[in-house]
Amino acid sequence: MNRAAQQETPAAHELHGTDTSTKAIARRLRVVAGQRAEELLAEVPATLRRLRTLLLVLSIAIPAFLLGLIVVLWHVAS
């Protein structure tokens, strides 16, 4: 039996995507981290728009609520 023919080489692992060396794992982690960072950065503009809308709504709603509360309390007190 030929042992050299049965041994798997690193090139064969890379060909099939089963290379489990430390470098391959680190490379895969870097790729995944890069993808997640891109996804996170893609969400920033939408999040800022939502935050801007929230601040606009609060800047109108809170003073209106307080003004209404003062009016109601004024009528109750008199």
C-alpha atoms as a PDB file:
ATOM      1  CA  MET A   1       0.000   0.000   0.000  1.00  0.00           C
ATOM      2  CA  ASN A   2       1.363   3.431  -0.926  1.00  0.00           C
ATOM      3  CA  ARG A   3       1.308   5.711   2.125  1.00  0.00           C
ATOM      4  CA  ALA A   4       2.199   8.820   0.150  1.00  0.00           C
ATOM      5  CA  ALA A   5      -0.967   8.497  -1.925  1.00  0.00           C
ATOM      6  CA  GLN A   6      -3.143   8.253   1.211  1.00  0.00           C
ATOM      7  CA  GLN A   7      -1.702  11.258   3.053  1.00  0.00           C
ATOM      8  CA  GLU A   8      -3.701  14.412   2.689  1.00  0.00           C
ATOM      9  CA  THR A   9      -1.747  17.527   1.871  1.00  0.00           C
ATOM     10  CA  PRO A  10      -2.542  21.094   2.976  1.00  0.00           C
ATOM     11  CA  ALA A  11      -3.277  21.913  -0.665  1.00  0.00           C
ATOM     12  CA  ALA A  12      -5.953  19.215  -0.700  1.00  0.00           C
ATOM     13  CA  HIS A  13      -7.518  20.707   2.434  1.00  0.00           C
ATOM     14  CA  GLU A  14      -7.588  24.179   0.882  1.00  0.00           C
ATOM     15  CA  LEU A  15      -9.070  22.749  -2.287  1.00  0.00           C
ATOM     16  CA  HIS A  16     -11.978  21.260  -0.355  1.00  0.00           C
ATOM     17  CA  GLY A  17     -12.229  24.114   2.136  1.00  0.00           C
ATOM     18  CA  THR A  18     -11.391  21.916   5.116  1.00  0.00           C
ATOM     19  CA  ASP A  19      -8.073  23.446   6.136  1.00  0.00           C
ATOM     20  CA  THR A  20      -8.186  23.702   9.935  1.00  0.00           C
ATOM     21  CA  SER A  21      -4.831  25.303  10.541  1.00  0.00           C
ATOM     22  CA  THR A  22      -4.549  28.297  12.839  1.00  0.00           C
ATOM     23  CA  LYS A  23      -3.900  30.582   9.877  1.00  0.00           C
ATOM     24  CA  ALA A  24      -7.026  29.374   8.100  1.00  0.00           C
ATOM     25  CA  ILE A  25      -9.143  29.855  11.208  1.00  0.00           C
ATOM     26  CA  ALA A  26      -7.718  33.341  11.755  1.00  0.00           C
ATOM     27  CA  ARG A  27      -8.344  34.193   8.107  1.00  0.00           C
ATOM     28  CA  ARG A  28     -11.951  33.012   8.349  1.00  0.00           C
ATOM     29  CA  LEU A  29     -12.486  35.000  11.564  1.00  0.00           C
ATOM     30  CA  ARG A  30     -11.115  38.134   9.875  1.00  0.00           C
ATOM     31  CA  VAL A  31     -13.470  37.639   6.940  1.00  0.00           C
ATOM     32  CA  VAL A  32     -16.481  37.176   9.218  1.00  0.00           C
ATOM     33  CA  ALA A  33     -15.493  40.158  11.373  1.00  0.00           C
ATOM     34  CA  GLY A  34     -15.130  42.287   8.239  1.00  0.00           C
ATOM     35  CA  GLN A  35     -18.563  41.260   7.004  1.00  0.00           C
ATOM     36  CA  ARG A  36     -20.172  42.046  10.354  1.00  0.00           C
ATOM     37  CA  ALA A  37     -18.431  45.431  10.493  1.00  0.00           C
ATOM     38  CA  GLU A  38     -19.752  46.282   7.019  1.00  0.00           C
ATOM     39  CA  GLU A  39     -23.269  45.279   8.059  1.00  0.00           C
ATOM     40  CA  LEU A  40     -23.013  47.429  11.178  1.00  0.00           C
ATOM     41  CA  LEU A  41     -21.742  50.442   9.240  1.00  0.00           C
ATOM     42  CA  ALA A  42     -24.543  50.019   6.705  1.00  0.00           C
ATOM     43  CA  GLU A  43     -27.080  50.421   9.527  1.00  0.00           C
ATOM     44  CA  VAL A  44     -25.626  53.687  10.890  1.00  0.00           C
ATOM     45  CA  PRO A  45     -27.414  56.114   8.504  1.00  0.00           C
ATOM     46  CA  ALA A  46     -30.801  54.487   9.101  1.00  0.00           C
ATOM     47  CA  THR A  47     -30.244  54.549  12.854  1.00  0.00           C
ATOM     48  CA  LEU A  48     -29.301  58.229  12.748  1.00  0.00           C
ATOM     49  CA  ARG A  49     -32.450  59.031  10.762  1.00  0.00           C
ATOM     50  CA  ARG A  50     -34.569  57.213  13.337  1.00  0.00           C
ATOM     51  CA  LEU A  51     -32.830  59.031  16.167  1.00  0.00           C
ATOM     52  CA  ARG A  52     -33.370  62.378  14.444  1.00  0.00           C
ATOM     53  CA  THR A  53     -37.076  61.579  14.027  1.00  0.00           C
ATOM     54  CA  LEU A  54     -37.355  60.520  17.662  1.00  0.00           C
ATOM     55  CA  LEU A  55     -35.751  63.752  18.854  1.00  0.00           C
ATOM     56  CA  LEU A  56     -38.067  65.796  16.637  1.00  0.00           C
ATOM     57  CA  VAL A  57     -41.154  64.030  17.964  1.00  0.00           C
ATOM     58  CA  LEU A  58     -40.008  64.388  21.571  1.00  0.00           C
ATOM     59  CA  SER A  59     -39.145  68.054  21.120  1.00  0.00           C
ATOM     60  CA  ILE A  60     -42.739  68.678  20.040  1.00  0.00           C
ATOM     61  CA  ALA A  61     -44.629  66.194  22.206  1.00  0.00           C
ATOM     62  CA  ILE A  62     -43.049  66.921  25.590  1.00  0.00           C
ATOM     63  CA  PRO A  63     -43.628  70.691  25.560  1.00  0.00           C
ATOM     64  CA  ALA A  64     -47.171  70.158  24.236  1.00  0.00           C
ATOM     65  CA  PHE A  65     -47.854  67.648  27.020  1.00  0.00           C
ATOM     66  CA  LEU A  66     -46.470  69.973  29.681  1.00  0.00           C
ATOM     67  CA  LEU A  67     -48.482  72.905  28.332  1.00  0.00           C
ATOM     68  CA  GLY A  68     -51.640  70.799  28.380  1.00  0.00           C
ATOM     69  CA  LEU A  69     -50.890  69.627  31.911  1.00  0.00           C
ATOM     70  CA  ILE A  70     -50.445  73.209  33.082  1.00  0.00           C
ATOM     71  CA  VAL A  71     -53.758  74.208  31.457  1.00  0.00           C
ATOM     72  CA  VAL A  72     -55.611  71.308  33.094  1.00  0.00           C
ATOM     73  CA  LEU A  73     -54.075  71.984  36.496  1.00  0.00           C
ATOM     74  CA  TRP A  74     -54.874  75.697  36.116  1.00  0.00           C
ATOM     75  CA  HIS A  75     -58.564  74.879  35.484  1.00  0.00           C
ATOM     76  CA  VAL A  76     -58.686  72.400  38.352  1.00  0.00           C
ATOM     77  CA  ALA A  77     -57.136  74.912  40.752  1.00  0.00           C
ATOM     78  CA  SER A  78     -59.549  77.723  39.886  1.00  0.00           C
END
